[in-house]
């Protein structure tokens, strides 16, 4: 896919433990490459006007990598993890995950 995508967008995040950015999400516009390979067409049945379509691919989200990124970036000195502000509504209003011994 990488060589055949017309355009590719990657979302990367900082991982302080390894001092590097890593890919979390990848989205590719493959144009008509995949449709030609799979003979995928679109059009009204029986009309003879079927056309090759364009395809998109996306990894959506690499869950484990995203969790590791949040933990690495938001872990506090006492071992607790501050929940990023944008995620607080999805955590029932909780702002910190306390460390356990």
PDB file of N, CA and C in Angstrom:
ATOM      1  N   UNK A   1       0.808  -1.207   0.000  1.00  0.00           N
ATOM      2  CA  UNK A   1       0.000   0.000   0.000  1.00  0.00           C
ATOM      3  C   UNK A   1       0.843   1.259   0.000  1.00  0.00           C
ATOM      4  N   UNK A   2       1.922   1.269   0.750  1.00  0.00           N
ATOM      5  CA  UNK A   2       2.701   2.497   0.884  1.00  0.00           C
ATOM      6  C   UNK A   2       3.161   3.047  -0.455  1.00  0.00           C
ATOM      7  N   UNK A   3       3.588   2.172  -1.355  1.00  0.00           N
ATOM      8  CA  UNK A   3       4.076   2.635  -2.645  1.00  0.00           C
ATOM      9  C   UNK A   3       2.944   2.984  -3.604  1.00  0.00           C
ATOM     10  N   UNK A   4       1.748   2.554  -3.293  1.00  0.00           N
ATOM     11  CA  UNK A   4       0.632   2.737  -4.216  1.00  0.00           C
ATOM     12  C   UNK A   4      -0.369   3.797  -3.780  1.00  0.00           C
ATOM     13  N   UNK A   5      -0.161   4.398  -2.638  1.00  0.00           N
ATOM     14  CA  UNK A   5      -1.073   5.435  -2.156  1.00  0.00           C
ATOM     15  C   UNK A   5      -0.774   6.744  -2.877  1.00  0.00           C
ATOM     16  N   UNK A   6      -1.829   7.407  -3.315  1.00  0.00           N
ATOM     17  CA  UNK A   6      -1.664   8.712  -3.952  1.00  0.00           C
ATOM     18  C   UNK A   6      -1.232   9.746  -2.919  1.00  0.00           C
ATOM     19  N   UNK A   7      -1.768   9.602  -1.716  1.00  0.00           N
ATOM     20  CA  UNK A   7      -1.402  10.497  -0.620  1.00  0.00           C
ATOM     21  C   UNK A   7      -1.592   9.735   0.687  1.00  0.00           C
ATOM     22  N   UNK A   8      -0.733  10.010   1.642  1.00  0.00           N
ATOM     23  CA  UNK A   8      -0.786   9.304   2.921  1.00  0.00           C
ATOM     24  C   UNK A   8      -0.613  10.309   4.046  1.00  0.00           C
ATOM     25  N   UNK A   9      -1.460  10.180   5.057  1.00  0.00           N
ATOM     26  CA  UNK A   9      -1.350  11.007   6.249  1.00  0.00           C
ATOM     27  C   UNK A   9      -1.080  10.098   7.439  1.00  0.00           C
ATOM     28  N   UNK A  10      -0.073  10.442   8.216  1.00  0.00           N
ATOM     29  CA  UNK A  10       0.233   9.709   9.439  1.00  0.00           C
ATOM     30  C   UNK A  10       0.077  10.646  10.621  1.00  0.00           C
ATOM     31  N   UNK A  11      -0.514  10.142  11.673  1.00  0.00           N
ATOM     32  CA  UNK A  11      -0.594  10.881  12.926  1.00  0.00           C
ATOM     33  C   UNK A  11       0.407  10.230  13.859  1.00  0.00           C
ATOM     34  N   UNK A  12       1.361  11.018  14.326  1.00  0.00           N
ATOM     35  CA  UNK A  12       2.397  10.502  15.204  1.00  0.00           C
ATOM     36  C   UNK A  12       2.317  11.179  16.557  1.00  0.00           C
ATOM     37  N   UNK A  13       2.842  10.507  17.567  1.00  0.00           N
ATOM     38  CA  UNK A  13       2.849  11.059  18.923  1.00  0.00           C
ATOM     39  C   UNK A  13       4.227  10.844  19.539  1.00  0.00           C
ATOM     40  N   UNK A  14       4.550  11.689  20.495  1.00  0.00           N
ATOM     41  CA  UNK A  14       5.838  11.650  21.176  1.00  0.00           C
ATOM     42  C   UNK A  14       5.837  10.579  22.262  1.00  0.00           C
ATOM     43  N   UNK A  15       6.857   9.747  22.248  1.00  0.00           N
ATOM     44  CA  UNK A  15       7.072   8.722  23.269  1.00  0.00           C
ATOM     45  C   UNK A  15       8.349   9.081  24.023  1.00  0.00           C
ATOM     46  N   UNK A  16       8.209   9.721  25.190  1.00  0.00           N
ATOM     47  CA  UNK A  16       9.394  10.188  25.911  1.00  0.00           C
ATOM     48  C   UNK A  16      10.332   9.068  26.348  1.00  0.00           C
ATOM     49  N   UNK A  17       9.809   7.876  26.622  1.00  0.00           N
ATOM     50  CA  UNK A  17      10.661   6.769  27.060  1.00  0.00           C
ATOM     51  C   UNK A  17      11.703   6.386  26.029  1.00  0.00           C
ATOM     52  N   UNK A  18      11.352   6.480  24.762  1.00  0.00           N
ATOM     53  CA  UNK A  18      12.294   6.150  23.692  1.00  0.00           C
ATOM     54  C   UNK A  18      12.760   7.388  22.931  1.00  0.00           C
ATOM     55  N   UNK A  19      12.312   8.556  23.389  1.00  0.00           N
ATOM     56  CA  UNK A  19      12.703   9.840  22.783  1.00  0.00           C
ATOM     57  C   UNK A  19      12.491   9.845  21.261  1.00  0.00           C
ATOM     58  N   UNK A  20      11.286   9.431  20.870  1.00  0.00           N
ATOM     59  CA  UNK A  20      10.985   9.392  19.445  1.00  0.00           C
ATOM     60  C   UNK A  20       9.484   9.557  19.209  1.00  0.00           C
ATOM     61  N   UNK A  21       9.146   9.946  17.996  1.00  0.00           N
ATOM     62  CA  UNK A  21       7.749   9.977  17.570  1.00  0.00           C
ATOM     63  C   UNK A  21       7.423   8.633  16.934  1.00  0.00           C
ATOM     64  N   UNK A  22       6.209   8.140  17.178  1.00  0.00           N
ATOM     65  CA  UNK A  22       5.760   6.885  16.584  1.00  0.00           C
ATOM     66  C   UNK A  22       4.373   7.071  15.982  1.00  0.00           C
ATOM     67  N   UNK A  23       4.116   6.311  14.949  1.00  0.00           N
ATOM     68  CA  UNK A  23       2.831   6.395  14.249  1.00  0.00           C
ATOM     69  C   UNK A  23       1.702   5.802  15.087  1.00  0.00           C
ATOM     70  N   UNK A  24       0.607   6.550  15.194  1.00  0.00           N
ATOM     71  CA  UNK A  24      -0.601   6.067  15.867  1.00  0.00           C
ATOM     72  C   UNK A  24      -1.695   5.733  14.863  1.00  0.00           C
ATOM     73  N   UNK A  25      -1.769   6.512  13.793  1.00  0.00           N
ATOM     74  CA  UNK A  25      -2.828   6.362  12.796  1.00  0.00           C
ATOM     75  C   UNK A  25      -2.233   6.611  11.418  1.00  0.00           C
ATOM     76  N   UNK A  26      -2.699   5.871  10.445  1.00  0.00           N
ATOM     77  CA  UNK A  26      -2.286   6.079   9.067  1.00  0.00           C
ATOM     78  C   UNK A  26      -3.530   6.054   8.190  1.00  0.00           C
ATOM     79  N   UNK A  27      -3.633   7.024   7.303  1.00  0.00           N
ATOM     80  CA  UNK A  27      -4.770   7.081   6.385  1.00  0.00           C
ATOM     81  C   UNK A  27      -4.229   7.291   4.973  1.00  0.00           C
ATOM     82  N   UNK A  28      -4.645   6.436   4.057  1.00  0.00           N
ATOM     83  CA  UNK A  28      -4.152   6.480   2.686  1.00  0.00           C
ATOM     84  C   UNK A  28      -5.286   6.677   1.694  1.00  0.00           C
ATOM     85  N   UNK A  29      -5.048   7.544   0.716  1.00  0.00           N
ATOM     86  CA  UNK A  29      -5.935   7.654  -0.434  1.00  0.00           C
ATOM     87  C   UNK A  29      -5.244   6.875  -1.545  1.00  0.00           C
ATOM     88  N   UNK A  30      -5.789   5.732  -1.887  1.00  0.00           N
ATOM     89  CA  UNK A  30      -5.153   4.849  -2.865  1.00  0.00           C
ATOM     90  C   UNK A  30      -5.626   5.104  -4.290  1.00  0.00           C
ATOM     91  N   UNK A  31      -6.398   6.176  -4.477  1.00  0.00           N
ATOM     92  CA  UNK A  31      -6.905   6.443  -5.816  1.00  0.00           C
ATOM     93  C   UNK A  31      -7.668   5.234  -6.327  1.00  0.00           C
ATOM     94  N   UNK A  32      -7.433   4.867  -7.581  1.00  0.00           N
ATOM     95  CA  UNK A  32      -8.133   3.706  -8.135  1.00  0.00           C
ATOM     96  C   UNK A  32      -7.270   2.443  -8.140  1.00  0.00           C
ATOM     97  N   UNK A  33      -6.087   2.496  -7.518  1.00  0.00           N
ATOM     98  CA  UNK A  33      -5.156   1.360  -7.545  1.00  0.00           C
ATOM     99  C   UNK A  33      -5.804   0.071  -7.027  1.00  0.00           C
ATOM    100  N   UNK A  34      -6.355   0.095  -5.813  1.00  0.00           N
ATOM    101  CA  UNK A  34      -6.952  -1.115  -5.238  1.00  0.00           C
ATOM    102  C   UNK A  34      -8.182  -1.560  -6.018  1.00  0.00           C
ATOM    103  N   UNK A  35      -8.985  -0.618  -6.458  1.00  0.00           N
ATOM    104  CA  UNK A  35     -10.200  -0.961  -7.205  1.00  0.00           C
ATOM    105  C   UNK A  35      -9.851  -1.667  -8.515  1.00  0.00           C
ATOM    106  N   UNK A  36      -8.803  -1.224  -9.157  1.00  0.00           N
ATOM    107  CA  UNK A  36      -8.380  -1.895 -10.393  1.00  0.00           C
ATOM    108  C   UNK A  36      -7.901  -3.317 -10.097  1.00  0.00           C
ATOM    109  N   UNK A  37      -7.129  -3.470  -9.027  1.00  0.00           N
ATOM    110  CA  UNK A  37      -6.611  -4.795  -8.651  1.00  0.00           C
ATOM    111  C   UNK A  37      -7.732  -5.767  -8.281  1.00  0.00           C
ATOM    112  N   UNK A  38      -8.764  -5.258  -7.613  1.00  0.00           N
ATOM    113  CA  UNK A  38      -9.868  -6.121  -7.162  1.00  0.00           C
ATOM    114  C   UNK A  38     -11.072  -6.085  -8.107  1.00  0.00           C
ATOM    115  N   UNK A  39     -10.921  -5.326  -9.193  1.00  0.00           N
ATOM    116  CA  UNK A  39     -12.002  -5.181 -10.183  1.00  0.00           C
ATOM    117  C   UNK A  39     -13.292  -4.668  -9.533  1.00  0.00           C
ATOM    118  N   UNK A  40     -13.138  -3.707  -8.642  1.00  0.00           N
ATOM    119  CA  UNK A  40     -14.280  -3.114  -7.943  1.00  0.00           C
ATOM    120  C   UNK A  40     -14.813  -1.941  -8.759  1.00  0.00           C
ATOM    121  N   UNK A  41     -16.100  -1.957  -9.019  1.00  0.00           N
ATOM    122  CA  UNK A  41     -16.733  -0.904  -9.820  1.00  0.00           C
ATOM    123  C   UNK A  41     -17.973  -0.399  -9.094  1.00  0.00           C
ATOM    124  N   UNK A  42     -18.465   0.751  -9.548  1.00  0.00           N
ATOM    125  CA  UNK A  42     -19.707   1.296  -9.019  1.00  0.00           C
ATOM    126  C   UNK A  42     -20.562   1.777 -10.193  1.00  0.00           C
ATOM    127  N   UNK A  43     -21.847   1.548 -10.100  1.00  0.00           N
ATOM    128  CA  UNK A  43     -22.784   1.960 -11.139  1.00  0.00           C
ATOM    129  C   UNK A  43     -24.095   1.208 -10.967  1.00  0.00           C
ATOM    130  N   UNK A  44     -25.097   1.584 -11.723  1.00  0.00           N
ATOM    131  CA  UNK A  44     -26.400   0.911 -11.643  1.00  0.00           C
ATOM    132  C   UNK A  44     -26.329  -0.451 -12.348  1.00  0.00           C
ATOM    133  N   UNK A  45     -26.896  -1.447 -11.693  1.00  0.00           N
ATOM    134  CA  UNK A  45     -26.894  -2.802 -12.254  1.00  0.00           C
ATOM    135  C   UNK A  45     -27.552  -2.813 -13.631  1.00  0.00           C
ATOM    136  N   UNK A  46     -26.874  -3.423 -14.578  1.00  0.00           N
ATOM    137  CA  UNK A  46     -27.428  -3.579 -15.917  1.00  0.00           C
ATOM    138  C   UNK A  46     -27.346  -2.349 -16.799  1.00  0.00           C
ATOM    139  N   UNK A  47     -26.843  -1.228 -16.287  1.00  0.00           N
ATOM    140  CA  UNK A  47     -26.806   0.006 -17.084  1.00  0.00           C
ATOM    141  C   UNK A  47     -25.559   0.091 -17.958  1.00  0.00           C
ATOM    142  N   UNK A  48     -24.536  -0.697 -17.630  1.00  0.00           N
ATOM    143  CA  UNK A  48     -23.308  -0.652 -18.417  1.00  0.00           C
ATOM    144  C   UNK A  48     -22.446   0.564 -18.140  1.00  0.00           C
ATOM    145  N   UNK A  49     -22.807   1.353 -17.145  1.00  0.00           N
ATOM    146  CA  UNK A  49     -22.033   2.567 -16.857  1.00  0.00           C
ATOM    147  C   UNK A  49     -21.126   2.426 -15.625  1.00  0.00           C
ATOM    148  N   UNK A  50     -20.763   1.195 -15.275  1.00  0.00           N
ATOM    149  CA  UNK A  50     -19.928   0.982 -14.085  1.00  0.00           C
ATOM    150  C   UNK A  50     -18.581   1.683 -14.241  1.00  0.00           C
ATOM    151  N   UNK A  51     -18.171   2.347 -13.181  1.00  0.00           N
ATOM    152  CA  UNK A  51     -16.902   3.072 -13.184  1.00  0.00           C
ATOM    153  C   UNK A  51     -16.020   2.568 -12.050  1.00  0.00           C
ATOM    154  N   UNK A  52     -14.722   2.684 -12.268  1.00  0.00           N
ATOM    155  CA  UNK A  52     -13.767   2.316 -11.221  1.00  0.00           C
ATOM    156  C   UNK A  52     -13.847   3.376 -10.132  1.00  0.00           C
ATOM    157  N   UNK A  53     -13.892   2.920  -8.895  1.00  0.00           N
ATOM    158  CA  UNK A  53     -13.964   3.882  -7.796  1.00  0.00           C
ATOM    159  C   UNK A  53     -12.598   4.084  -7.149  1.00  0.00           C
ATOM    160  N   UNK A  54     -12.517   5.058  -6.287  1.00  0.00           N
ATOM    161  CA  UNK A  54     -11.295   5.324  -5.529  1.00  0.00           C
ATOM    162  C   UNK A  54     -11.487   4.795  -4.117  1.00  0.00           C
ATOM    163  N   UNK A  55     -10.404   4.364  -3.496  1.00  0.00           N
ATOM    164  CA  UNK A  55     -10.494   3.758  -2.165  1.00  0.00           C
ATOM    165  C   UNK A  55      -9.635   4.502  -1.145  1.00  0.00           C
ATOM    166  N   UNK A  56     -10.067   4.402   0.103  1.00  0.00           N
ATOM    167  CA  UNK A  56      -9.323   4.936   1.240  1.00  0.00           C
ATOM    168  C   UNK A  56      -9.027   3.786   2.196  1.00  0.00           C
ATOM    169  N   UNK A  57      -7.901   3.858   2.862  1.00  0.00           N
ATOM    170  CA  UNK A  57      -7.556   2.896   3.906  1.00  0.00           C
ATOM    171  C   UNK A  57      -7.136   3.671   5.134  1.00  0.00           C
ATOM    172  N   UNK A  58      -7.510   3.172   6.288  1.00  0.00           N
ATOM    173  CA  UNK A  58      -7.109   3.816   7.531  1.00  0.00           C
ATOM    174  C   UNK A  58      -6.991   2.765   8.623  1.00  0.00           C
ATOM    175  N   UNK A  59      -5.983   2.930   9.482  1.00  0.00           N
ATOM    176  CA  UNK A  59      -5.810   2.006  10.601  1.00  0.00           C
ATOM    177  C   UNK A  59      -6.730   2.359  11.752  1.00  0.00           C
ATOM    178  N   UNK A  60      -7.477   3.435  11.627  1.00  0.00           N
ATOM    179  CA  UNK A  60      -8.371   3.942  12.678  1.00  0.00           C
ATOM    180  C   UNK A  60      -7.542   4.384  13.869  1.00  0.00           C
ATOM    181  N   UNK A  61      -7.104   3.462  14.702  1.00  0.00           N
ATOM    182  CA  UNK A  61      -6.238   3.824  15.824  1.00  0.00           C
ATOM    183  C   UNK A  61      -5.520   2.571  16.313  1.00  0.00           C
ATOM    184  N   UNK A  62      -4.238   2.710  16.572  1.00  0.00           N
ATOM    185  CA  UNK A  62      -3.456   1.620  17.157  1.00  0.00           C
ATOM    186  C   UNK A  62      -3.635   1.722  18.672  1.00  0.00           C
ATOM    187  N   UNK A  63      -4.609   0.992  19.198  1.00  0.00           N
ATOM    188  CA  UNK A  63      -5.039   1.145  20.592  1.00  0.00           C
ATOM    189  C   UNK A  63      -3.905   0.985  21.593  1.00  0.00           C
ATOM    190  N   UNK A  64      -3.133  -0.089  21.480  1.00  0.00           N
ATOM    191  CA  UNK A  64      -2.066  -0.327  22.453  1.00  0.00           C
ATOM    192  C   UNK A  64      -1.030   0.790  22.419  1.00  0.00           C
ATOM    193  N   UNK A  65      -0.661   1.208  21.217  1.00  0.00           N
ATOM    194  CA  UNK A  65       0.345   2.263  21.077  1.00  0.00           C
ATOM    195  C   UNK A  65      -0.170   3.580  21.649  1.00  0.00           C
ATOM    196  N   UNK A  66      -1.452   3.867  21.430  1.00  0.00           N
ATOM    197  CA  UNK A  66      -2.047   5.095  21.962  1.00  0.00           C
ATOM    198  C   UNK A  66      -2.076   5.064  23.484  1.00  0.00           C
ATOM    199  N   UNK A  67      -2.442   3.916  24.061  1.00  0.00           N
ATOM    200  CA  UNK A  67      -2.438   3.783  25.529  1.00  0.00           C
ATOM    201  C   UNK A  67      -1.033   3.982  26.088  1.00  0.00           C
ATOM    202  N   UNK A  68      -0.042   3.379  25.450  1.00  0.00           N
ATOM    203  CA  UNK A  68       1.351   3.547  25.900  1.00  0.00           C
ATOM    204  C   UNK A  68       1.763   5.012  25.837  1.00  0.00           C
ATOM    205  N   UNK A  69       1.357   5.696  24.778  1.00  0.00           N
ATOM    206  CA  UNK A  69       1.689   7.112  24.621  1.00  0.00           C
ATOM    207  C   UNK A  69       1.065   7.944  25.738  1.00  0.00           C
ATOM    208  N   UNK A  70      -0.198   7.687  26.045  1.00  0.00           N
ATOM    209  CA  UNK A  70      -0.869   8.423  27.128  1.00  0.00           C
ATOM    210  C   UNK A  70      -0.171   8.152  28.455  1.00  0.00           C
ATOM    211  N   UNK A  71       0.122   6.882  28.726  1.00  0.00           N
ATOM    212  CA  UNK A  71       0.786   6.538  29.988  1.00  0.00           C
ATOM    213  C   UNK A  71       2.157   7.190  30.096  1.00  0.00           C
ATOM    214  N   UNK A  72       2.940   7.147  29.029  1.00  0.00           N
ATOM    215  CA  UNK A  72       4.282   7.741  29.062  1.00  0.00           C
ATOM    216  C   UNK A  72       4.238   9.255  29.244  1.00  0.00           C
ATOM    217  N   UNK A  73       3.278   9.900  28.628  1.00  0.00           N
ATOM    218  CA  UNK A  73       3.229  11.361  28.672  1.00  0.00           C
ATOM    219  C   UNK A  73       2.509  11.929  29.886  1.00  0.00           C
ATOM    220  N   UNK A  74       1.647  11.142  30.516  1.00  0.00           N
ATOM    221  CA  UNK A  74       0.825  11.682  31.604  1.00  0.00           C
ATOM    222  C   UNK A  74       1.072  11.032  32.960  1.00  0.00           C
ATOM    223  N   UNK A  75       2.038  10.110  33.043  1.00  0.00           N
ATOM    224  CA  UNK A  75       2.329   9.513  34.345  1.00  0.00           C
ATOM    225  C   UNK A  75       3.023  10.539  35.228  1.00  0.00           C
ATOM    226  N   UNK A  76       2.578  10.619  36.473  1.00  0.00           N
ATOM    227  CA  UNK A  76       3.113  11.570  37.443  1.00  0.00           C
ATOM    228  C   UNK A  76       4.209  10.898  38.275  1.00  0.00           C
ATOM    229  N   UNK A  77       4.957  11.694  39.008  1.00  0.00           N
ATOM    230  CA  UNK A  77       6.072  11.187  39.818  1.00  0.00           C
ATOM    231  C   UNK A  77       5.624  10.134  40.831  1.00  0.00           C
ATOM    232  N   UNK A  78       4.399  10.247  41.327  1.00  0.00           N
ATOM    233  CA  UNK A  78       3.906   9.286  42.328  1.00  0.00           C
ATOM    234  C   UNK A  78       3.335   8.013  41.695  1.00  0.00           C
ATOM    235  N   UNK A  79       3.424   7.895  40.369  1.00  0.00           N
ATOM    236  CA  UNK A  79       2.933   6.709  39.677  1.00  0.00           C
ATOM    237  C   UNK A  79       1.515   6.834  39.163  1.00  0.00           C
ATOM    238  N   UNK A  80       0.792   7.853  39.609  1.00  0.00           N
ATOM    239  CA  UNK A  80      -0.569   8.064  39.107  1.00  0.00           C
ATOM    240  C   UNK A  80      -0.504   8.568  37.666  1.00  0.00           C
ATOM    241  N   UNK A  81      -1.636   8.499  36.990  1.00  0.00           N
ATOM    242  CA  UNK A  81      -1.702   8.969  35.605  1.00  0.00           C
ATOM    243  C   UNK A  81      -2.783  10.028  35.511  1.00  0.00           C
ATOM    244  N   UNK A  82      -2.382  11.219  35.079  1.00  0.00           N
ATOM    245  CA  UNK A  82      -3.341  12.303  34.853  1.00  0.00           C
ATOM    246  C   UNK A  82      -4.072  11.994  33.549  1.00  0.00           C
ATOM    247  N   UNK A  83      -5.381  12.041  33.583  1.00  0.00           N
ATOM    248  CA  UNK A  83      -6.173  11.765  32.385  1.00  0.00           C
ATOM    249  C   UNK A  83      -6.196  13.028  31.523  1.00  0.00           C
ATOM    250  N   UNK A  84      -5.819  12.914  30.239  1.00  0.00           N
ATOM    251  CA  UNK A  84      -5.855  14.087  29.366  1.00  0.00           C
ATOM    252  C   UNK A  84      -7.246  14.726  29.380  1.00  0.00           C
ATOM    253  N   UNK A  85      -7.272  16.044  29.401  1.00  0.00           N
ATOM    254  CA  UNK A  85      -8.523  16.802  29.526  1.00  0.00           C
ATOM    255  C   UNK A  85      -9.593  16.365  28.524  1.00  0.00           C
ATOM    256  N   UNK A  86      -9.183  16.095  27.285  1.00  0.00           N
ATOM    257  CA  UNK A  86     -10.173  15.714  26.266  1.00  0.00           C
ATOM    258  C   UNK A  86     -10.789  14.343  26.530  1.00  0.00           C
ATOM    259  N   UNK A  87     -10.157  13.527  27.366  1.00  0.00           N
ATOM    260  CA  UNK A  87     -10.683  12.194  27.668  1.00  0.00           C
ATOM    261  C   UNK A  87     -11.502  12.137  28.951  1.00  0.00           C
ATOM    262  N   UNK A  88     -11.444  13.190  29.755  1.00  0.00           N
ATOM    263  CA  UNK A  88     -12.156  13.208  31.041  1.00  0.00           C
ATOM    264  C   UNK A  88     -13.647  12.895  30.884  1.00  0.00           C
ATOM    265  N   UNK A  89     -14.359  13.465  29.899  1.00  0.00           N
ATOM    266  CA  UNK A  89     -15.783  13.138  29.757  1.00  0.00           C
ATOM    267  C   UNK A  89     -16.042  11.647  29.505  1.00  0.00           C
ATOM    268  N   UNK A  90     -15.080  10.963  28.896  1.00  0.00           N
ATOM    269  CA  UNK A  90     -15.237   9.537  28.607  1.00  0.00           C
ATOM    270  C   UNK A  90     -14.816   8.659  29.782  1.00  0.00           C
ATOM    271  N   UNK A  91     -14.277   9.287  30.806  1.00  0.00           N
ATOM    272  CA  UNK A  91     -13.834   8.573  32.008  1.00  0.00           C
ATOM    273  C   UNK A  91     -14.748   8.879  33.186  1.00  0.00           C
ATOM    274  N   UNK A  92     -15.971   9.308  32.888  1.00  0.00           N
ATOM    275  CA  UNK A  92     -16.937   9.594  33.946  1.00  0.00           C
ATOM    276  C   UNK A  92     -16.532  10.770  34.816  1.00  0.00           C
ATOM    277  N   UNK A  93     -15.781  11.712  34.262  1.00  0.00           N
ATOM    278  CA  UNK A  93     -15.351  12.886  35.014  1.00  0.00           C
ATOM    279  C   UNK A  93     -14.078  12.674  35.818  1.00  0.00           C
ATOM    280  N   UNK A  94     -13.576  11.459  35.823  1.00  0.00           N
ATOM    281  CA  UNK A  94     -12.352  11.143  36.573  1.00  0.00           C
ATOM    282  C   UNK A  94     -11.166  11.860  35.925  1.00  0.00           C
ATOM    283  N   UNK A  95     -10.312  12.486  36.731  1.00  0.00           N
ATOM    284  CA  UNK A  95      -9.182  13.243  36.195  1.00  0.00           C
ATOM    285  C   UNK A  95      -7.834  12.582  36.451  1.00  0.00           C
ATOM    286  N   UNK A  96      -7.810  11.609  37.366  1.00  0.00           N
ATOM    287  CA  UNK A  96      -6.555  10.932  37.704  1.00  0.00           C
ATOM    288  C   UNK A  96      -6.828   9.447  37.938  1.00  0.00           C
ATOM    289  N   UNK A  97      -5.923   8.612  37.460  1.00  0.00           N
ATOM    290  CA  UNK A  97      -5.941   7.190  37.801  1.00  0.00           C
ATOM    291  C   UNK A  97      -4.845   7.006  38.843  1.00  0.00           C
ATOM    292  N   UNK A  98      -5.256   6.657  40.039  1.00  0.00           N
ATOM    293  CA  UNK A  98      -4.306   6.535  41.151  1.00  0.00           C
ATOM    294  C   UNK A  98      -3.407   5.315  40.979  1.00  0.00           C
ATOM    295  N   UNK A  99      -2.176   5.457  41.449  1.00  0.00           N
ATOM    296  CA  UNK A  99      -1.226   4.342  41.422  1.00  0.00           C
ATOM    297  C   UNK A  99      -1.607   3.322  42.487  1.00  0.00           C
ATOM    298  N   UNK A 100      -1.362   2.067  42.190  1.00  0.00           N
ATOM    299  CA  UNK A 100      -1.609   0.999  43.165  1.00  0.00           C
ATOM    300  C   UNK A 100      -0.280   0.328  43.478  1.00  0.00           C
ATOM    301  N   UNK A 101      -0.140  -0.093  44.723  1.00  0.00           N
ATOM    302  CA  UNK A 101       1.111  -0.759  45.110  1.00  0.00           C
ATOM    303  C   UNK A 101       1.046  -2.228  44.837  1.00  0.00           C
TER     304      UNK A 101
END
